[in-house]
Amino acid sequence: MPPSPDTPDGAAIMVKLDDLLHERRMTLTELAERVGMTLANLSILKTGKAKAIRFSTLEAICRELECQPGDLLAYDTRSETA
């Protein structure tokens, strides 16, 4: 995921949903059904296009993937010009 254009230094929150799904051999569709989200909304989160996430959504994803929020999200401080 590229750095967010909203941050002048190029820092960004990275969503590592693909990695977690792959490790657990789960599809995005299966996760969407388990957490009660639409596939479209979960896809927006997965691709890093989401501007926010509710704690209840984060909790549901972490529960189904048996992970911690830090396993799902990472803060990338690298800038585009580095």
PDB file of N, CA and C in Angstrom:
ATOM      1  N   MET A   1       0.844  -1.172   0.000  1.00  0.00           N
ATOM      2  CA  MET A   1       0.000   0.000   0.000  1.00  0.00           C
ATOM      3  C   MET A   1       0.887   1.233   0.000  1.00  0.00           C
ATOM      4  N   PRO A   2       0.649   2.213  -0.870  1.00  0.00           N
ATOM      5  CA  PRO A   2       1.466   3.432  -0.908  1.00  0.00           C
ATOM      6  C   PRO A   2       1.184   4.317   0.292  1.00  0.00           C
ATOM      7  N   PRO A   3       2.130   5.206   0.631  1.00  0.00           N
ATOM      8  CA  PRO A   3       1.896   6.130   1.739  1.00  0.00           C
ATOM      9  C   PRO A   3       0.655   6.971   1.488  1.00  0.00           C
ATOM     10  N   SER A   4      -0.001   7.336   2.555  1.00  0.00           N
ATOM     11  CA  SER A   4      -1.218   8.129   2.460  1.00  0.00           C
ATOM     12  C   SER A   4      -0.912   9.536   1.981  1.00  0.00           C
ATOM     13  N   PRO A   5      -1.675  10.052   1.014  1.00  0.00           N
ATOM     14  CA  PRO A   5      -1.458  11.422   0.558  1.00  0.00           C
ATOM     15  C   PRO A   5      -1.848  12.449   1.614  1.00  0.00           C
ATOM     16  N   ASP A   6      -2.565  12.010   2.647  1.00  0.00           N
ATOM     17  CA  ASP A   6      -2.996  12.919   3.707  1.00  0.00           C
ATOM     18  C   ASP A   6      -1.880  13.256   4.686  1.00  0.00           C
ATOM     19  N   THR A   7      -0.776  12.525   4.624  1.00  0.00           N
ATOM     20  CA  THR A   7       0.321  12.776   5.546  1.00  0.00           C
ATOM     21  C   THR A   7       1.490  13.376   4.786  1.00  0.00           C
ATOM     22  N   PRO A   8       1.941  14.561   5.178  1.00  0.00           N
ATOM     23  CA  PRO A   8       2.989  15.244   4.435  1.00  0.00           C
ATOM     24  C   PRO A   8       4.320  14.508   4.430  1.00  0.00           C
ATOM     25  N   ASP A   9       4.593  13.713   5.439  1.00  0.00           N
ATOM     26  CA  ASP A   9       5.872  13.012   5.488  1.00  0.00           C
ATOM     27  C   ASP A   9       5.817  11.643   4.827  1.00  0.00           C
ATOM     28  N   GLY A  10       4.674  11.269   4.281  1.00  0.00           N
ATOM     29  CA  GLY A  10       4.542   9.995   3.593  1.00  0.00           C
ATOM     30  C   GLY A  10       4.296   8.820   4.520  1.00  0.00           C
ATOM     31  N   ALA A  11       4.176   9.052   5.815  1.00  0.00           N
ATOM     32  CA  ALA A  11       3.903   7.969   6.751  1.00  0.00           C
ATOM     33  C   ALA A  11       2.502   7.423   6.497  1.00  0.00           C
ATOM     34  N   ALA A  12       2.297   6.169   6.828  1.00  0.00           N
ATOM     35  CA  ALA A  12       0.999   5.561   6.552  1.00  0.00           C
ATOM     36  C   ALA A  12       0.731   4.396   7.492  1.00  0.00           C
ATOM     37  N   ILE A  13      -0.540   4.153   7.732  1.00  0.00           N
ATOM     38  CA  ILE A  13      -0.967   2.945   8.426  1.00  0.00           C
ATOM     39  C   ILE A  13      -1.125   1.870   7.355  1.00  0.00           C
ATOM     40  N   MET A  14      -0.453   0.761   7.552  1.00  0.00           N
ATOM     41  CA  MET A  14      -0.512  -0.343   6.604  1.00  0.00           C
ATOM     42  C   MET A  14      -1.477  -1.404   7.142  1.00  0.00           C
ATOM     43  N   VAL A  15      -2.307  -1.949   6.271  1.00  0.00           N
ATOM     44  CA  VAL A  15      -3.234  -3.017   6.640  1.00  0.00           C
ATOM     45  C   VAL A  15      -2.663  -4.321   6.094  1.00  0.00           C
ATOM     46  N   LYS A  16      -2.414  -5.264   6.983  1.00  0.00           N
ATOM     47  CA  LYS A  16      -1.772  -6.524   6.606  1.00  0.00           C
ATOM     48  C   LYS A  16      -2.777  -7.671   6.528  1.00  0.00           C
ATOM     49  N   LEU A  17      -3.965  -7.364   6.059  1.00  0.00           N
ATOM     50  CA  LEU A  17      -5.034  -8.351   6.001  1.00  0.00           C
ATOM     51  C   LEU A  17      -4.704  -9.490   5.040  1.00  0.00           C
ATOM     52  N   ASP A  18      -4.105  -9.181   3.905  1.00  0.00           N
ATOM     53  CA  ASP A  18      -3.732 -10.224   2.940  1.00  0.00           C
ATOM     54  C   ASP A  18      -2.837 -11.279   3.575  1.00  0.00           C
ATOM     55  N   ASP A  19      -1.833 -10.822   4.311  1.00  0.00           N
ATOM     56  CA  ASP A  19      -0.893 -11.749   4.948  1.00  0.00           C
ATOM     57  C   ASP A  19      -1.603 -12.652   5.954  1.00  0.00           C
ATOM     58  N   LEU A  20      -2.463 -12.060   6.771  1.00  0.00           N
ATOM     59  CA  LEU A  20      -3.170 -12.844   7.782  1.00  0.00           C
ATOM     60  C   LEU A  20      -4.129 -13.846   7.148  1.00  0.00           C
ATOM     61  N   LEU A  21      -4.832 -13.427   6.111  1.00  0.00           N
ATOM     62  CA  LEU A  21      -5.742 -14.344   5.421  1.00  0.00           C
ATOM     63  C   LEU A  21      -4.968 -15.500   4.801  1.00  0.00           C
ATOM     64  N   HIS A  22      -3.842 -15.199   4.190  1.00  0.00           N
ATOM     65  CA  HIS A  22      -3.018 -16.241   3.566  1.00  0.00           C
ATOM     66  C   HIS A  22      -2.521 -17.235   4.619  1.00  0.00           C
ATOM     67  N   GLU A  23      -2.022 -16.720   5.743  1.00  0.00           N
ATOM     68  CA  GLU A  23      -1.518 -17.584   6.815  1.00  0.00           C
ATOM     69  C   GLU A  23      -2.604 -18.505   7.350  1.00  0.00           C
ATOM     70  N   ARG A  24      -3.839 -18.026   7.364  1.00  0.00           N
ATOM     71  CA  ARG A  24      -4.943 -18.803   7.924  1.00  0.00           C
ATOM     72  C   ARG A  24      -5.739 -19.548   6.853  1.00  0.00           C
ATOM     73  N   ARG A  25      -5.288 -19.430   5.622  1.00  0.00           N
ATOM     74  CA  ARG A  25      -5.951 -20.097   4.494  1.00  0.00           C
ATOM     75  C   ARG A  25      -7.449 -19.792   4.479  1.00  0.00           C
ATOM     76  N   MET A  26      -7.732 -18.502   4.580  1.00  0.00           N
ATOM     77  CA  MET A  26      -9.108 -18.020   4.605  1.00  0.00           C
ATOM     78  C   MET A  26      -9.286 -17.022   3.467  1.00  0.00           C
ATOM     79  N   THR A  27     -10.442 -17.031   2.850  1.00  0.00           N
ATOM     80  CA  THR A  27     -10.713 -16.069   1.787  1.00  0.00           C
ATOM     81  C   THR A  27     -11.321 -14.800   2.370  1.00  0.00           C
ATOM     82  N   LEU A  28     -11.244 -13.742   1.598  1.00  0.00           N
ATOM     83  CA  LEU A  28     -11.852 -12.480   2.006  1.00  0.00           C
ATOM     84  C   LEU A  28     -13.365 -12.652   2.135  1.00  0.00           C
ATOM     85  N   THR A  29     -13.953 -13.426   1.247  1.00  0.00           N
ATOM     86  CA  THR A  29     -15.394 -13.694   1.291  1.00  0.00           C
ATOM     87  C   THR A  29     -15.777 -14.405   2.582  1.00  0.00           C
ATOM     88  N   GLU A  30     -14.985 -15.395   2.974  1.00  0.00           N
ATOM     89  CA  GLU A  30     -15.261 -16.128   4.209  1.00  0.00           C
ATOM     90  C   GLU A  30     -15.160 -15.204   5.425  1.00  0.00           C
ATOM     91  N   LEU A  31     -14.134 -14.364   5.451  1.00  0.00           N
ATOM     92  CA  LEU A  31     -13.987 -13.426   6.561  1.00  0.00           C
ATOM     93  C   LEU A  31     -15.158 -12.449   6.599  1.00  0.00           C
ATOM     94  N   ALA A  32     -15.562 -11.957   5.439  1.00  0.00           N
ATOM     95  CA  ALA A  32     -16.688 -11.020   5.369  1.00  0.00           C
ATOM     96  C   ALA A  32     -17.950 -11.643   5.970  1.00  0.00           C
ATOM     97  N   GLU A  33     -18.204 -12.897   5.644  1.00  0.00           N
ATOM     98  CA  GLU A  33     -19.377 -13.592   6.184  1.00  0.00           C
ATOM     99  C   GLU A  33     -19.273 -13.751   7.696  1.00  0.00           C
ATOM    100  N   ARG A  34     -18.086 -14.097   8.177  1.00  0.00           N
ATOM    101  CA  ARG A  34     -17.888 -14.339   9.611  1.00  0.00           C
ATOM    102  C   ARG A  34     -18.018 -13.073  10.451  1.00  0.00           C
ATOM    103  N   VAL A  35     -17.576 -11.938   9.909  1.00  0.00           N
ATOM    104  CA  VAL A  35     -17.613 -10.699  10.697  1.00  0.00           C
ATOM    105  C   VAL A  35     -18.839  -9.844  10.395  1.00  0.00           C
ATOM    106  N   GLY A  36     -19.642 -10.254   9.422  1.00  0.00           N
ATOM    107  CA  GLY A  36     -20.861  -9.517   9.107  1.00  0.00           C
ATOM    108  C   GLY A  36     -20.620  -8.225   8.350  1.00  0.00           C
ATOM    109  N   MET A  37     -19.603  -8.220   7.507  1.00  0.00           N
ATOM    110  CA  MET A  37     -19.306  -7.051   6.664  1.00  0.00           C
ATOM    111  C   MET A  37     -19.573  -7.411   5.216  1.00  0.00           C
ATOM    112  N   THR A  38     -19.807  -6.390   4.404  1.00  0.00           N
ATOM    113  CA  THR A  38     -19.925  -6.659   2.980  1.00  0.00           C
ATOM    114  C   THR A  38     -18.529  -6.917   2.430  1.00  0.00           C
ATOM    115  N   LEU A  39     -18.465  -7.682   1.382  1.00  0.00           N
ATOM    116  CA  LEU A  39     -17.191  -7.960   0.730  1.00  0.00           C
ATOM    117  C   LEU A  39     -16.569  -6.664   0.219  1.00  0.00           C
ATOM    118  N   ALA A  40     -17.401  -5.758  -0.270  1.00  0.00           N
ATOM    119  CA  ALA A  40     -16.902  -4.480  -0.787  1.00  0.00           C
ATOM    120  C   ALA A  40     -16.210  -3.668   0.305  1.00  0.00           C
ATOM    121  N   ASN A  41     -16.825  -3.575   1.480  1.00  0.00           N
ATOM    122  CA  ASN A  41     -16.221  -2.801   2.568  1.00  0.00           C
ATOM    123  C   ASN A  41     -14.944  -3.444   3.087  1.00  0.00           C
ATOM    124  N   LEU A  42     -14.929  -4.759   3.168  1.00  0.00           N
ATOM    125  CA  LEU A  42     -13.724  -5.446   3.620  1.00  0.00           C
ATOM    126  C   LEU A  42     -12.609  -5.293   2.590  1.00  0.00           C
ATOM    127  N   SER A  43     -12.963  -5.281   1.321  1.00  0.00           N
ATOM    128  CA  SER A  43     -11.986  -5.071   0.255  1.00  0.00           C
ATOM    129  C   SER A  43     -11.373  -3.676   0.330  1.00  0.00           C
ATOM    130  N   ILE A  44     -12.185  -2.678   0.651  1.00  0.00           N
ATOM    131  CA  ILE A  44     -11.683  -1.310   0.817  1.00  0.00           C
ATOM    132  C   ILE A  44     -10.663  -1.267   1.948  1.00  0.00           C
ATOM    133  N   LEU A  45     -10.947  -1.965   3.022  1.00  0.00           N
ATOM    134  CA  LEU A  45     -10.006  -2.027   4.137  1.00  0.00           C
ATOM    135  C   LEU A  45      -8.725  -2.743   3.712  1.00  0.00           C
ATOM    136  N   LYS A  46      -8.875  -3.863   3.027  1.00  0.00           N
ATOM    137  CA  LYS A  46      -7.726  -4.674   2.615  1.00  0.00           C
ATOM    138  C   LYS A  46      -6.786  -3.917   1.689  1.00  0.00           C
ATOM    139  N   THR A  47      -7.336  -3.111   0.811  1.00  0.00           N
ATOM    140  CA  THR A  47      -6.505  -2.391  -0.159  1.00  0.00           C
ATOM    141  C   THR A  47      -5.936  -1.096   0.395  1.00  0.00           C
ATOM    142  N   GLY A  48      -6.286  -0.768   1.642  1.00  0.00           N
ATOM    143  CA  GLY A  48      -5.737   0.433   2.256  1.00  0.00           C
ATOM    144  C   GLY A  48      -6.458   1.707   1.879  1.00  0.00           C
ATOM    145  N   LYS A  49      -7.630   1.590   1.280  1.00  0.00           N
ATOM    146  CA  LYS A  49      -8.380   2.776   0.859  1.00  0.00           C
ATOM    147  C   LYS A  49      -9.318   3.293   1.943  1.00  0.00           C
ATOM    148  N   ALA A  50      -9.457   2.538   3.028  1.00  0.00           N
ATOM    149  CA  ALA A  50     -10.331   2.968   4.121  1.00  0.00           C
ATOM    150  C   ALA A  50      -9.695   4.128   4.869  1.00  0.00           C
ATOM    151  N   LYS A  51     -10.502   5.089   5.248  1.00  0.00           N
ATOM    152  CA  LYS A  51     -10.027   6.248   6.009  1.00  0.00           C
ATOM    153  C   LYS A  51     -10.103   6.001   7.508  1.00  0.00           C
ATOM    154  N   ALA A  52     -10.907   5.034   7.929  1.00  0.00           N
ATOM    155  CA  ALA A  52     -11.085   4.753   9.349  1.00  0.00           C
ATOM    156  C   ALA A  52     -11.600   3.324   9.512  1.00  0.00           C
ATOM    157  N   ILE A  53     -11.504   2.827  10.740  1.00  0.00           N
ATOM    158  CA  ILE A  53     -12.082   1.526  11.075  1.00  0.00           C
ATOM    159  C   ILE A  53     -12.675   1.635  12.473  1.00  0.00           C
ATOM    160  N   ARG A  54     -13.864   1.111  12.643  1.00  0.00           N
ATOM    161  CA  ARG A  54     -14.499   1.118  13.962  1.00  0.00           C
ATOM    162  C   ARG A  54     -13.836   0.056  14.834  1.00  0.00           C
ATOM    163  N   PHE A  55     -13.779   0.350  16.130  1.00  0.00           N
ATOM    164  CA  PHE A  55     -13.215  -0.627  17.051  1.00  0.00           C
ATOM    165  C   PHE A  55     -13.998  -1.929  17.014  1.00  0.00           C
ATOM    166  N   SER A  56     -15.303  -1.856  16.843  1.00  0.00           N
ATOM    167  CA  SER A  56     -16.111  -3.076  16.789  1.00  0.00           C
ATOM    168  C   SER A  56     -15.746  -3.922  15.569  1.00  0.00           C
ATOM    169  N   THR A  57     -15.425  -3.272  14.457  1.00  0.00           N
ATOM    170  CA  THR A  57     -14.995  -3.990  13.255  1.00  0.00           C
ATOM    171  C   THR A  57     -13.622  -4.598  13.472  1.00  0.00           C
ATOM    172  N   LEU A  58     -12.719  -3.818  14.038  1.00  0.00           N
ATOM    173  CA  LEU A  58     -11.374  -4.307  14.334  1.00  0.00           C
ATOM    174  C   LEU A  58     -11.439  -5.500  15.279  1.00  0.00           C
ATOM    175  N   GLU A  59     -12.287  -5.395  16.291  1.00  0.00           N
ATOM    176  CA  GLU A  59     -12.458  -6.489  17.248  1.00  0.00           C
ATOM    177  C   GLU A  59     -12.974  -7.754  16.561  1.00  0.00           C
ATOM    178  N   ALA A  60     -13.965  -7.611  15.686  1.00  0.00           N
ATOM    179  CA  ALA A  60     -14.538  -8.767  14.991  1.00  0.00           C
ATOM    180  C   ALA A  60     -13.510  -9.431  14.080  1.00  0.00           C
ATOM    181  N   ILE A  61     -12.732  -8.632  13.372  1.00  0.00           N
ATOM    182  CA  ILE A  61     -11.701  -9.186  12.489  1.00  0.00           C
ATOM    183  C   ILE A  61     -10.645  -9.915  13.309  1.00  0.00           C
ATOM    184  N   CYS A  62     -10.191  -9.290  14.387  1.00  0.00           N
ATOM    185  CA  CYS A  62      -9.178  -9.917  15.241  1.00  0.00           C
ATOM    186  C   CYS A  62      -9.704 -11.204  15.873  1.00  0.00           C
ATOM    187  N   ARG A  63     -10.968 -11.216  16.257  1.00  0.00           N
ATOM    188  CA  ARG A  63     -11.567 -12.418  16.837  1.00  0.00           C
ATOM    189  C   ARG A  63     -11.560 -13.564  15.826  1.00  0.00           C
ATOM    190  N   GLU A  64     -11.982 -13.281  14.606  1.00  0.00           N
ATOM    191  CA  GLU A  64     -12.068 -14.334  13.591  1.00  0.00           C
ATOM    192  C   GLU A  64     -10.699 -14.792  13.095  1.00  0.00           C
ATOM    193  N   LEU A  65      -9.742 -13.882  13.052  1.00  0.00           N
ATOM    194  CA  LEU A  65      -8.398 -14.243  12.587  1.00  0.00           C
ATOM    195  C   LEU A  65      -7.486 -14.670  13.738  1.00  0.00           C
ATOM    196  N   GLU A  66      -8.023 -14.618  14.961  1.00  0.00           N
ATOM    197  CA  GLU A  66      -7.257 -14.970  16.159  1.00  0.00           C
ATOM    198  C   GLU A  66      -5.923 -14.230  16.181  1.00  0.00           C
ATOM    199  N   CYS A  67      -6.028 -12.893  16.119  1.00  0.00           N
ATOM    200  CA  CYS A  67      -4.833 -12.057  16.091  1.00  0.00           C
ATOM    201  C   CYS A  67      -5.029 -10.831  16.969  1.00  0.00           C
ATOM    202  N   GLN A  68      -3.987 -10.064  17.112  1.00  0.00           N
ATOM    203  CA  GLN A  68      -4.015  -8.803  17.838  1.00  0.00           C
ATOM    204  C   GLN A  68      -4.100  -7.667  16.819  1.00  0.00           C
ATOM    205  N   PRO A  69      -4.604  -6.498  17.211  1.00  0.00           N
ATOM    206  CA  PRO A  69      -4.656  -5.368  16.276  1.00  0.00           C
ATOM    207  C   PRO A  69      -3.295  -5.057  15.645  1.00  0.00           C
ATOM    208  N   GLY A  70      -2.230  -5.229  16.412  1.00  0.00           N
ATOM    209  CA  GLY A  70      -0.891  -4.985  15.881  1.00  0.00           C
ATOM    210  C   GLY A  70      -0.468  -5.981  14.813  1.00  0.00           C
ATOM    211  N   ASP A  71      -1.129  -7.138  14.766  1.00  0.00           N
ATOM    212  CA  ASP A  71      -0.858  -8.106  13.702  1.00  0.00           C
ATOM    213  C   ASP A  71      -1.513  -7.665  12.402  1.00  0.00           C
ATOM    214  N   LEU A  72      -2.571  -6.901  12.520  1.00  0.00           N
ATOM    215  CA  LEU A  72      -3.363  -6.460  11.376  1.00  0.00           C
ATOM    216  C   LEU A  72      -2.915  -5.108  10.838  1.00  0.00           C
ATOM    217  N   LEU A  73      -2.458  -4.236  11.731  1.00  0.00           N
ATOM    218  CA  LEU A  73      -2.083  -2.870  11.354  1.00  0.00           C
ATOM    219  C   LEU A  73      -0.619  -2.609  11.681  1.00  0.00           C
ATOM    220  N   ALA A  74       0.025  -1.820  10.844  1.00  0.00           N
ATOM    221  CA  ALA A  74       1.407  -1.410  11.096  1.00  0.00           C
ATOM    222  C   ALA A  74       1.557   0.044  10.691  1.00  0.00           C
ATOM    223  N   TYR A  75       2.448   0.748  11.368  1.00  0.00           N
ATOM    224  CA  TYR A  75       2.721   2.144  11.050  1.00  0.00           C
ATOM    225  C   TYR A  75       4.020   2.200  10.268  1.00  0.00           C
ATOM    226  N   ASP A  76       3.939   2.665   9.033  1.00  0.00           N
ATOM    227  CA  ASP A  76       5.097   2.756   8.139  1.00  0.00           C
ATOM    228  C   ASP A  76       5.542   4.210   8.070  1.00  0.00           C
ATOM    229  N   THR A  77       6.750   4.487   8.526  1.00  0.00           N
ATOM    230  CA  THR A  77       7.244   5.866   8.573  1.00  0.00           C
ATOM    231  C   THR A  77       8.072   6.247   7.357  1.00  0.00           C
ATOM    232  N   ARG A  78       8.255   5.332   6.426  1.00  0.00           N
ATOM    233  CA  ARG A  78       9.035   5.661   5.222  1.00  0.00           C
ATOM    234  C   ARG A  78       8.297   6.676   4.370  1.00  0.00           C
ATOM    235  N   SER A  79       9.032   7.605   3.814  1.00  0.00           N
ATOM    236  CA  SER A  79       8.413   8.607   2.937  1.00  0.00           C
ATOM    237  C   SER A  79       8.561   8.177   1.490  1.00  0.00           C
ATOM    238  N   GLU A  80       7.760   8.785   0.617  1.00  0.00           N
ATOM    239  CA  GLU A  80       7.826   8.480  -0.812  1.00  0.00           C
ATOM    240  C   GLU A  80       9.166   8.865  -1.415  1.00  0.00           C
ATOM    241  N   THR A  81       9.803   9.888  -0.882  1.00  0.00           N
ATOM    242  CA  THR A  81      11.043  10.384  -1.468  1.00  0.00           C
ATOM    243  C   THR A  81      12.275   9.696  -0.914  1.00  0.00           C
ATOM    244  N   ALA A  82      12.106   8.830   0.075  1.00  0.00           N
ATOM    245  CA  ALA A  82      13.262   8.168   0.691  1.00  0.00           C
ATOM    246  C   ALA A  82      13.813   7.091  -0.206  1.00  0.00           C
TER     247      ALA A  82
END
